[in-house]
């Protein structure tokens, strides 16, 4: 029986929300997407927040949401791709929950995010270059907080969720 939340981290397009929902169902726990909570609280979508407040304003709001989601509720939480950028967020993730890092190769991430207009950091001329840069910058941070790293390219989302659930049960 889990006694703390499960946080899913990783780059955009890796499947944090999809796998998080499936994992929550496997574990019979509530599921929360931190980006959706942020949008509900502000009444605005993420691209709008980026436009009006910039990335720094968005990151402040993201940190506040994470702090609230760490409050003694055992649930599965899909986080935003940049949640690990702030040291205080990394400390919260490590001290308050179990952290699962989902990975995928650049080609797969580019394919999965190519049609999305809800990813402000990818609204550039060369999204592949941005994804590669973000992976270089963030991969060490994801690995630093992760209790388990799981590749999403080698299995279906359901298989990945089942693999994580088995690992959690064996802990």
N, C-alpha and C. Protein backbone atom coordinates (compact mmCIF):
# COMPACT_ATOMS: atom_id res chain seq x y z
N UNK A 1 0.84 -1.18 0.00
CA UNK A 1 0.00 0.00 0.00
C UNK A 1 0.88 1.25 0.00
N UNK A 2 0.65 2.12 -0.98
CA UNK A 2 1.44 3.35 -1.06
C UNK A 2 1.03 4.32 0.03
N UNK A 3 2.04 5.03 0.54
CA UNK A 3 1.79 5.99 1.61
C UNK A 3 2.13 7.42 1.17
N UNK A 4 2.55 7.57 -0.08
CA UNK A 4 2.91 8.89 -0.58
C UNK A 4 2.54 8.99 -2.06
N UNK A 5 2.46 10.21 -2.58
CA UNK A 5 2.08 10.36 -3.98
C UNK A 5 3.17 9.84 -4.92
N UNK A 6 2.74 9.53 -6.14
CA UNK A 6 3.65 9.14 -7.21
C UNK A 6 3.68 10.30 -8.20
N UNK A 7 4.86 10.86 -8.41
CA UNK A 7 5.03 11.97 -9.35
C UNK A 7 5.66 11.44 -10.63
N UNK A 8 5.08 11.80 -11.74
CA UNK A 8 5.61 11.39 -13.04
C UNK A 8 6.26 12.61 -13.68
N UNK A 9 7.55 12.49 -13.98
CA UNK A 9 8.31 13.57 -14.60
C UNK A 9 8.84 13.10 -15.94
N UNK A 10 9.23 14.07 -16.76
CA UNK A 10 9.81 13.75 -18.06
C UNK A 10 9.49 14.85 -19.05
N UNK A 11 10.07 14.76 -20.24
CA UNK A 11 9.88 15.81 -21.24
C UNK A 11 8.47 15.81 -21.82
N UNK A 12 8.10 16.93 -22.43
CA UNK A 12 6.80 17.01 -23.07
C UNK A 12 6.71 15.98 -24.19
N UNK A 13 5.55 15.35 -24.27
CA UNK A 13 5.32 14.36 -25.31
C UNK A 13 5.69 12.95 -24.92
N UNK A 14 6.21 12.75 -23.73
CA UNK A 14 6.67 11.42 -23.33
C UNK A 14 5.51 10.52 -22.88
N UNK A 15 4.37 11.14 -22.55
CA UNK A 15 3.22 10.34 -22.15
C UNK A 15 2.89 10.40 -20.67
N UNK A 16 3.31 11.47 -20.00
CA UNK A 16 3.09 11.56 -18.55
C UNK A 16 1.60 11.48 -18.19
N UNK A 17 0.76 12.20 -18.92
CA UNK A 17 -0.67 12.21 -18.61
C UNK A 17 -1.32 10.87 -18.97
N UNK A 18 -1.05 10.38 -20.15
CA UNK A 18 -1.64 9.10 -20.59
C UNK A 18 -1.24 7.97 -19.66
N UNK A 19 0.04 7.84 -19.40
CA UNK A 19 0.54 6.76 -18.54
C UNK A 19 0.11 7.01 -17.10
N UNK A 20 0.09 8.27 -16.67
CA UNK A 20 -0.35 8.58 -15.32
C UNK A 20 -1.78 8.16 -15.05
N UNK A 21 -2.67 8.40 -16.00
CA UNK A 21 -4.07 7.97 -15.84
C UNK A 21 -4.17 6.45 -15.75
N UNK A 22 -3.43 5.77 -16.61
CA UNK A 22 -3.45 4.30 -16.60
C UNK A 22 -2.85 3.75 -15.30
N UNK A 23 -1.77 4.37 -14.84
CA UNK A 23 -1.14 3.95 -13.59
C UNK A 23 -2.09 4.17 -12.42
N UNK A 24 -2.75 5.31 -12.38
CA UNK A 24 -3.70 5.59 -11.30
C UNK A 24 -4.81 4.54 -11.28
N UNK A 25 -5.29 4.16 -12.46
CA UNK A 25 -6.33 3.13 -12.53
C UNK A 25 -5.79 1.79 -12.02
N UNK A 26 -4.57 1.44 -12.41
CA UNK A 26 -3.94 0.20 -11.94
C UNK A 26 -3.83 0.18 -10.42
N UNK A 27 -3.46 1.31 -9.85
CA UNK A 27 -3.23 1.42 -8.40
C UNK A 27 -4.49 1.79 -7.63
N UNK A 28 -5.57 2.06 -8.35
CA UNK A 28 -6.83 2.52 -7.73
C UNK A 28 -6.62 3.78 -6.89
N UNK A 29 -5.95 4.74 -7.51
CA UNK A 29 -5.67 6.02 -6.88
C UNK A 29 -6.21 7.15 -7.74
N UNK A 30 -6.44 8.31 -7.14
CA UNK A 30 -6.83 9.47 -7.94
C UNK A 30 -5.67 9.90 -8.85
N UNK A 31 -6.02 10.53 -9.97
CA UNK A 31 -5.03 11.06 -10.90
C UNK A 31 -5.20 12.57 -11.00
N UNK A 32 -4.06 13.28 -11.02
CA UNK A 32 -4.06 14.74 -11.17
C UNK A 32 -2.98 15.11 -12.17
N UNK A 33 -3.31 16.03 -13.06
CA UNK A 33 -2.33 16.60 -13.99
C UNK A 33 -2.03 18.02 -13.49
N UNK A 34 -0.80 18.28 -13.10
CA UNK A 34 -0.47 19.58 -12.50
C UNK A 34 -0.72 20.74 -13.47
N UNK A 35 -0.52 20.53 -14.76
CA UNK A 35 -0.81 21.59 -15.73
C UNK A 35 -2.30 21.92 -15.77
N UNK A 36 -3.15 20.90 -15.69
CA UNK A 36 -4.61 21.13 -15.69
C UNK A 36 -5.02 21.86 -14.42
N UNK A 37 -4.44 21.49 -13.29
CA UNK A 37 -4.76 22.18 -12.03
C UNK A 37 -4.38 23.66 -12.16
N UNK A 38 -3.21 23.93 -12.71
CA UNK A 38 -2.75 25.30 -12.89
C UNK A 38 -3.73 26.08 -13.78
N UNK A 39 -4.16 25.46 -14.88
CA UNK A 39 -5.11 26.12 -15.78
C UNK A 39 -6.45 26.37 -15.09
N UNK A 40 -6.91 25.40 -14.32
CA UNK A 40 -8.19 25.57 -13.60
C UNK A 40 -8.09 26.71 -12.59
N UNK A 41 -6.99 26.80 -11.89
CA UNK A 41 -6.83 27.84 -10.86
C UNK A 41 -6.75 29.23 -11.47
N UNK A 42 -6.09 29.33 -12.61
CA UNK A 42 -5.91 30.66 -13.22
C UNK A 42 -7.05 31.03 -14.15
N UNK A 43 -7.78 30.04 -14.62
CA UNK A 43 -8.83 30.31 -15.60
C UNK A 43 -8.26 30.63 -16.97
N UNK A 44 -7.01 30.26 -17.19
CA UNK A 44 -6.34 30.55 -18.46
C UNK A 44 -5.51 29.34 -18.88
N UNK A 45 -5.30 29.19 -20.19
CA UNK A 45 -4.47 28.07 -20.63
C UNK A 45 -2.99 28.45 -20.57
N UNK A 46 -2.15 27.45 -20.65
CA UNK A 46 -0.71 27.64 -20.48
C UNK A 46 -0.12 28.60 -21.51
N UNK A 47 -0.47 28.49 -22.80
CA UNK A 47 0.09 29.47 -23.75
C UNK A 47 -0.24 30.92 -23.37
N UNK A 48 -1.46 31.16 -22.87
CA UNK A 48 -1.84 32.51 -22.46
C UNK A 48 -0.99 32.97 -21.28
N UNK A 49 -0.79 32.09 -20.31
CA UNK A 49 0.03 32.43 -19.14
C UNK A 49 1.45 32.78 -19.60
N UNK A 50 2.01 31.99 -20.52
CA UNK A 50 3.35 32.28 -21.05
C UNK A 50 3.37 33.64 -21.74
N UNK A 51 2.33 33.93 -22.54
CA UNK A 51 2.27 35.21 -23.26
C UNK A 51 2.21 36.40 -22.31
N UNK A 52 1.40 36.28 -21.27
CA UNK A 52 1.16 37.41 -20.37
C UNK A 52 2.23 37.52 -19.28
N UNK A 53 2.61 36.38 -18.69
CA UNK A 53 3.51 36.42 -17.54
C UNK A 53 4.92 35.93 -17.86
N UNK A 54 5.10 35.38 -19.05
CA UNK A 54 6.40 34.83 -19.42
C UNK A 54 6.64 33.50 -18.75
N UNK A 55 7.75 32.87 -19.11
CA UNK A 55 8.05 31.56 -18.53
C UNK A 55 8.26 31.67 -17.02
N UNK A 56 8.88 32.74 -16.58
CA UNK A 56 9.15 32.89 -15.14
C UNK A 56 7.84 32.95 -14.34
N UNK A 57 6.85 33.67 -14.82
CA UNK A 57 5.56 33.73 -14.15
C UNK A 57 4.87 32.38 -14.13
N UNK A 58 4.96 31.68 -15.26
CA UNK A 58 4.39 30.33 -15.32
C UNK A 58 5.07 29.42 -14.30
N UNK A 59 6.40 29.46 -14.23
CA UNK A 59 7.15 28.58 -13.32
C UNK A 59 6.78 28.87 -11.85
N UNK A 60 6.55 30.13 -11.52
CA UNK A 60 6.12 30.46 -10.15
C UNK A 60 4.78 29.80 -9.84
N UNK A 61 3.86 29.91 -10.76
CA UNK A 61 2.55 29.29 -10.57
C UNK A 61 2.67 27.76 -10.48
N UNK A 62 3.52 27.20 -11.33
CA UNK A 62 3.74 25.75 -11.35
C UNK A 62 4.27 25.26 -10.01
N UNK A 63 5.19 26.00 -9.42
CA UNK A 63 5.75 25.63 -8.11
C UNK A 63 4.69 25.67 -7.02
N UNK A 64 3.81 26.68 -7.07
CA UNK A 64 2.74 26.78 -6.07
C UNK A 64 1.79 25.59 -6.18
N UNK A 65 1.47 25.19 -7.40
CA UNK A 65 0.59 24.03 -7.60
C UNK A 65 1.26 22.77 -7.07
N UNK A 66 2.54 22.57 -7.38
CA UNK A 66 3.24 21.39 -6.90
C UNK A 66 3.23 21.33 -5.38
N UNK A 67 3.49 22.45 -4.73
CA UNK A 67 3.49 22.48 -3.26
C UNK A 67 2.15 22.02 -2.72
N UNK A 68 1.07 22.45 -3.33
CA UNK A 68 -0.27 22.03 -2.90
C UNK A 68 -0.51 20.54 -3.16
N UNK A 69 0.00 20.04 -4.27
CA UNK A 69 -0.22 18.63 -4.62
C UNK A 69 0.62 17.67 -3.77
N UNK A 70 1.54 18.22 -3.00
CA UNK A 70 2.38 17.41 -2.11
C UNK A 70 1.75 17.23 -0.73
N UNK A 71 0.60 17.79 -0.51
CA UNK A 71 -0.03 17.79 0.80
C UNK A 71 -0.72 16.47 1.13
N UNK A 72 -0.01 15.50 1.60
CA UNK A 72 -0.55 14.29 2.22
C UNK A 72 -1.68 13.58 1.48
N UNK A 73 -1.75 13.69 0.17
CA UNK A 73 -2.74 12.95 -0.59
C UNK A 73 -2.00 11.91 -1.42
N UNK A 74 -2.37 10.66 -1.25
CA UNK A 74 -1.75 9.60 -2.05
C UNK A 74 -2.48 9.57 -3.38
N UNK A 75 -1.78 9.97 -4.43
CA UNK A 75 -2.35 10.07 -5.77
C UNK A 75 -1.23 9.98 -6.79
N UNK A 76 -1.60 9.86 -8.05
CA UNK A 76 -0.64 9.88 -9.14
C UNK A 76 -0.71 11.28 -9.76
N UNK A 77 0.45 11.93 -9.87
CA UNK A 77 0.51 13.30 -10.37
C UNK A 77 1.40 13.36 -11.60
N UNK A 78 0.82 13.74 -12.74
CA UNK A 78 1.61 14.02 -13.93
C UNK A 78 2.05 15.48 -13.83
N UNK A 79 3.34 15.72 -13.93
CA UNK A 79 3.87 17.08 -13.80
C UNK A 79 4.20 17.66 -15.17
N UNK A 80 4.39 18.97 -15.20
CA UNK A 80 4.84 19.62 -16.42
C UNK A 80 6.31 19.28 -16.67
N UNK A 81 6.71 19.35 -17.93
CA UNK A 81 8.06 18.97 -18.31
C UNK A 81 9.16 19.76 -17.63
N UNK A 82 8.87 21.01 -17.26
CA UNK A 82 9.89 21.85 -16.65
C UNK A 82 9.84 21.91 -15.13
N UNK A 83 9.05 21.06 -14.52
CA UNK A 83 8.87 21.10 -13.06
C UNK A 83 10.21 20.94 -12.33
N UNK A 84 11.15 20.24 -12.93
CA UNK A 84 12.43 19.96 -12.27
C UNK A 84 13.42 21.13 -12.33
N UNK A 85 13.06 22.20 -13.03
CA UNK A 85 14.00 23.31 -13.17
C UNK A 85 14.28 24.03 -11.85
N UNK A 86 13.27 24.14 -11.02
CA UNK A 86 13.45 24.85 -9.74
C UNK A 86 13.97 23.89 -8.68
N UNK A 87 15.06 24.26 -8.00
CA UNK A 87 15.60 23.40 -6.95
C UNK A 87 14.57 23.05 -5.87
N UNK A 88 13.72 24.02 -5.51
CA UNK A 88 12.72 23.74 -4.48
C UNK A 88 11.70 22.70 -4.94
N UNK A 89 11.41 22.67 -6.24
CA UNK A 89 10.51 21.64 -6.78
C UNK A 89 11.17 20.27 -6.71
N UNK A 90 12.44 20.22 -7.07
CA UNK A 90 13.15 18.93 -7.00
C UNK A 90 13.16 18.41 -5.57
N UNK A 91 13.39 19.31 -4.61
CA UNK A 91 13.40 18.92 -3.19
C UNK A 91 12.03 18.39 -2.77
N UNK A 92 10.97 19.06 -3.18
CA UNK A 92 9.61 18.61 -2.86
C UNK A 92 9.33 17.23 -3.45
N UNK A 93 9.67 17.05 -4.72
CA UNK A 93 9.43 15.77 -5.38
C UNK A 93 10.11 14.63 -4.63
N UNK A 94 11.37 14.83 -4.31
CA UNK A 94 12.16 13.78 -3.67
C UNK A 94 11.69 13.50 -2.24
N UNK A 95 11.36 14.56 -1.50
CA UNK A 95 11.03 14.39 -0.09
C UNK A 95 9.58 13.98 0.16
N UNK A 96 8.71 14.24 -0.80
CA UNK A 96 7.29 14.01 -0.56
C UNK A 96 6.68 12.86 -1.34
N UNK A 97 7.43 12.28 -2.28
CA UNK A 97 6.80 11.24 -3.08
C UNK A 97 7.78 10.29 -3.73
N UNK A 98 7.22 9.45 -4.57
CA UNK A 98 7.99 8.52 -5.39
C UNK A 98 7.99 9.13 -6.79
N UNK A 99 9.18 9.23 -7.39
CA UNK A 99 9.30 9.92 -8.67
C UNK A 99 9.64 8.93 -9.78
N UNK A 100 8.81 8.94 -10.81
CA UNK A 100 9.00 8.10 -11.98
C UNK A 100 9.39 9.00 -13.15
N UNK A 101 10.53 8.73 -13.76
CA UNK A 101 11.01 9.50 -14.91
C UNK A 101 10.71 8.70 -16.17
N UNK A 102 9.85 9.25 -17.02
CA UNK A 102 9.54 8.62 -18.30
C UNK A 102 10.44 9.21 -19.38
N UNK A 103 11.02 8.32 -20.19
CA UNK A 103 11.93 8.76 -21.24
C UNK A 103 11.43 8.29 -22.61
N UNK A 104 11.95 8.94 -23.65
CA UNK A 104 11.72 8.53 -25.04
C UNK A 104 12.78 9.24 -25.88
N UNK A 105 13.06 8.69 -27.05
CA UNK A 105 14.07 9.32 -27.89
C UNK A 105 13.50 10.57 -28.57
N UNK A 106 14.40 11.39 -29.07
CA UNK A 106 14.02 12.67 -29.67
C UNK A 106 13.04 12.50 -30.81
N UNK A 107 13.26 11.54 -31.70
CA UNK A 107 12.35 11.35 -32.84
C UNK A 107 10.92 11.12 -32.38
N UNK A 108 10.75 10.30 -31.38
CA UNK A 108 9.42 10.00 -30.87
C UNK A 108 8.79 11.25 -30.22
N UNK A 109 9.57 11.99 -29.46
CA UNK A 109 9.06 13.21 -28.83
C UNK A 109 8.65 14.25 -29.88
N UNK A 110 9.45 14.39 -30.94
CA UNK A 110 9.11 15.31 -32.01
C UNK A 110 7.80 14.89 -32.67
N UNK A 111 7.67 13.60 -32.95
CA UNK A 111 6.45 13.09 -33.59
C UNK A 111 5.23 13.32 -32.70
N UNK A 112 5.37 13.04 -31.42
CA UNK A 112 4.23 13.15 -30.49
C UNK A 112 3.81 14.59 -30.24
N UNK A 113 4.72 15.54 -30.37
CA UNK A 113 4.39 16.93 -30.06
C UNK A 113 4.15 17.78 -31.31
N UNK A 114 4.33 17.22 -32.48
CA UNK A 114 4.30 18.00 -33.73
C UNK A 114 2.96 18.68 -34.01
N UNK A 115 1.88 18.13 -33.55
CA UNK A 115 0.57 18.69 -33.86
C UNK A 115 -0.03 19.53 -32.73
N UNK A 116 0.71 19.66 -31.64
CA UNK A 116 0.18 20.36 -30.47
C UNK A 116 0.49 21.85 -30.53
N UNK A 117 -0.54 22.66 -30.31
CA UNK A 117 -0.34 24.11 -30.25
C UNK A 117 -0.34 24.58 -28.79
N UNK A 118 -0.44 23.64 -27.86
CA UNK A 118 -0.52 23.98 -26.44
C UNK A 118 0.83 23.86 -25.74
N UNK A 119 1.91 23.93 -26.50
CA UNK A 119 3.26 23.80 -25.93
C UNK A 119 4.07 25.04 -26.33
N UNK A 120 4.02 26.07 -25.50
CA UNK A 120 4.63 27.36 -25.86
C UNK A 120 6.12 27.26 -26.22
N UNK A 121 6.86 26.40 -25.56
CA UNK A 121 8.29 26.31 -25.83
C UNK A 121 8.58 25.73 -27.22
N UNK A 122 7.58 25.08 -27.83
CA UNK A 122 7.80 24.48 -29.15
C UNK A 122 7.23 25.33 -30.29
N UNK A 123 6.74 26.51 -29.98
CA UNK A 123 6.22 27.40 -31.02
C UNK A 123 7.38 28.19 -31.62
N UNK A 124 8.30 27.46 -32.22
CA UNK A 124 9.53 28.02 -32.80
C UNK A 124 9.74 27.41 -34.18
N UNK A 125 10.73 27.93 -34.92
CA UNK A 125 11.00 27.43 -36.27
C UNK A 125 11.49 25.99 -36.28
N UNK A 126 12.26 25.60 -35.27
CA UNK A 126 12.84 24.25 -35.24
C UNK A 126 12.54 23.57 -33.90
N UNK A 127 11.34 22.99 -33.78
CA UNK A 127 10.99 22.33 -32.52
C UNK A 127 11.95 21.19 -32.14
N UNK A 128 12.48 20.47 -33.13
CA UNK A 128 13.43 19.38 -32.84
C UNK A 128 14.63 19.93 -32.07
N UNK A 129 15.16 21.03 -32.53
CA UNK A 129 16.33 21.62 -31.87
C UNK A 129 15.97 22.01 -30.42
N UNK A 130 14.78 22.53 -30.22
CA UNK A 130 14.34 22.89 -28.87
C UNK A 130 14.21 21.65 -27.99
N UNK A 131 13.61 20.60 -28.52
CA UNK A 131 13.48 19.35 -27.75
C UNK A 131 14.85 18.80 -27.39
N UNK A 132 15.78 18.80 -28.34
CA UNK A 132 17.13 18.31 -28.06
C UNK A 132 17.80 19.12 -26.96
N UNK A 133 17.64 20.46 -27.02
CA UNK A 133 18.23 21.34 -26.00
C UNK A 133 17.60 21.09 -24.63
N UNK A 134 16.28 20.99 -24.61
CA UNK A 134 15.59 20.74 -23.34
C UNK A 134 16.00 19.41 -22.73
N UNK A 135 16.15 18.40 -23.57
CA UNK A 135 16.59 17.09 -23.07
C UNK A 135 18.00 17.17 -22.47
N UNK A 136 18.90 17.86 -23.15
CA UNK A 136 20.27 18.01 -22.63
C UNK A 136 20.26 18.72 -21.28
N UNK A 137 19.45 19.77 -21.17
CA UNK A 137 19.40 20.55 -19.94
C UNK A 137 18.70 19.82 -18.80
N UNK A 138 17.61 19.12 -19.13
CA UNK A 138 16.74 18.58 -18.09
C UNK A 138 17.00 17.13 -17.72
N UNK A 139 17.56 16.35 -18.63
CA UNK A 139 17.76 14.93 -18.35
C UNK A 139 18.51 14.71 -17.03
N UNK A 140 19.62 15.42 -16.77
CA UNK A 140 20.31 15.21 -15.49
C UNK A 140 19.42 15.54 -14.28
N UNK A 141 18.54 16.53 -14.43
CA UNK A 141 17.65 16.90 -13.32
C UNK A 141 16.59 15.83 -13.11
N UNK A 142 16.02 15.31 -14.20
CA UNK A 142 15.06 14.22 -14.09
C UNK A 142 15.70 13.01 -13.41
N UNK A 143 16.89 12.66 -13.87
CA UNK A 143 17.58 11.49 -13.31
C UNK A 143 17.91 11.69 -11.83
N UNK A 144 18.22 12.92 -11.47
CA UNK A 144 18.58 13.22 -10.09
C UNK A 144 17.43 12.97 -9.12
N UNK A 145 16.20 13.22 -9.55
CA UNK A 145 15.06 13.05 -8.65
C UNK A 145 14.38 11.68 -8.78
N UNK A 146 14.71 10.94 -9.83
CA UNK A 146 13.95 9.71 -10.14
C UNK A 146 14.27 8.54 -9.22
N UNK A 147 13.20 7.88 -8.79
CA UNK A 147 13.33 6.60 -8.10
C UNK A 147 13.33 5.47 -9.12
N UNK A 148 12.68 5.70 -10.26
CA UNK A 148 12.61 4.72 -11.35
C UNK A 148 12.60 5.47 -12.66
N UNK A 149 13.39 4.99 -13.62
CA UNK A 149 13.39 5.54 -14.97
C UNK A 149 12.79 4.48 -15.89
N UNK A 150 11.86 4.90 -16.74
CA UNK A 150 11.12 3.95 -17.57
C UNK A 150 11.01 4.48 -19.00
N UNK A 151 11.50 3.71 -19.96
CA UNK A 151 11.43 4.09 -21.37
C UNK A 151 10.01 3.84 -21.90
N UNK A 152 9.44 4.84 -22.55
CA UNK A 152 8.08 4.71 -23.07
C UNK A 152 8.03 4.30 -24.53
N UNK A 153 9.18 4.22 -25.17
CA UNK A 153 9.20 3.90 -26.59
C UNK A 153 9.09 2.40 -26.86
N UNK A 154 9.42 1.60 -25.88
CA UNK A 154 9.53 0.16 -26.11
C UNK A 154 8.27 -0.62 -25.76
N UNK A 155 7.22 0.07 -25.30
CA UNK A 155 6.00 -0.63 -24.90
C UNK A 155 4.81 0.31 -25.03
N UNK A 156 3.62 -0.24 -25.00
CA UNK A 156 2.41 0.58 -25.04
C UNK A 156 2.26 1.33 -23.72
N UNK A 157 1.49 2.41 -23.70
CA UNK A 157 1.26 3.11 -22.43
C UNK A 157 0.73 2.18 -21.34
N UNK A 158 -0.17 1.29 -21.67
CA UNK A 158 -0.71 0.36 -20.67
C UNK A 158 0.39 -0.55 -20.13
N UNK A 159 1.26 -1.04 -21.00
CA UNK A 159 2.35 -1.91 -20.54
C UNK A 159 3.32 -1.14 -19.64
N UNK A 160 3.59 0.11 -19.99
CA UNK A 160 4.48 0.93 -19.16
C UNK A 160 3.83 1.14 -17.79
N UNK A 161 2.54 1.47 -17.76
CA UNK A 161 1.84 1.67 -16.49
C UNK A 161 1.85 0.39 -15.65
N UNK A 162 1.65 -0.74 -16.29
CA UNK A 162 1.66 -2.02 -15.56
C UNK A 162 3.05 -2.32 -15.01
N UNK A 163 4.07 -2.01 -15.78
CA UNK A 163 5.45 -2.22 -15.33
C UNK A 163 5.75 -1.35 -14.10
N UNK A 164 5.31 -0.10 -14.14
CA UNK A 164 5.53 0.80 -13.01
C UNK A 164 4.75 0.31 -11.79
N UNK A 165 3.50 -0.10 -12.00
CA UNK A 165 2.66 -0.59 -10.89
C UNK A 165 3.31 -1.80 -10.22
N UNK A 166 3.84 -2.73 -11.02
CA UNK A 166 4.53 -3.90 -10.45
C UNK A 166 5.74 -3.46 -9.63
N UNK A 167 6.51 -2.54 -10.16
CA UNK A 167 7.69 -2.05 -9.44
C UNK A 167 7.27 -1.42 -8.11
N UNK A 168 6.22 -0.62 -8.13
CA UNK A 168 5.74 0.03 -6.90
C UNK A 168 5.27 -1.01 -5.88
N UNK A 169 4.60 -2.05 -6.35
CA UNK A 169 4.10 -3.09 -5.44
C UNK A 169 5.24 -3.89 -4.83
N UNK A 170 6.34 -4.02 -5.56
CA UNK A 170 7.48 -4.81 -5.07
C UNK A 170 8.39 -4.02 -4.14
N UNK A 171 8.22 -2.72 -4.08
CA UNK A 171 9.07 -1.86 -3.24
C UNK A 171 8.95 -2.21 -1.79
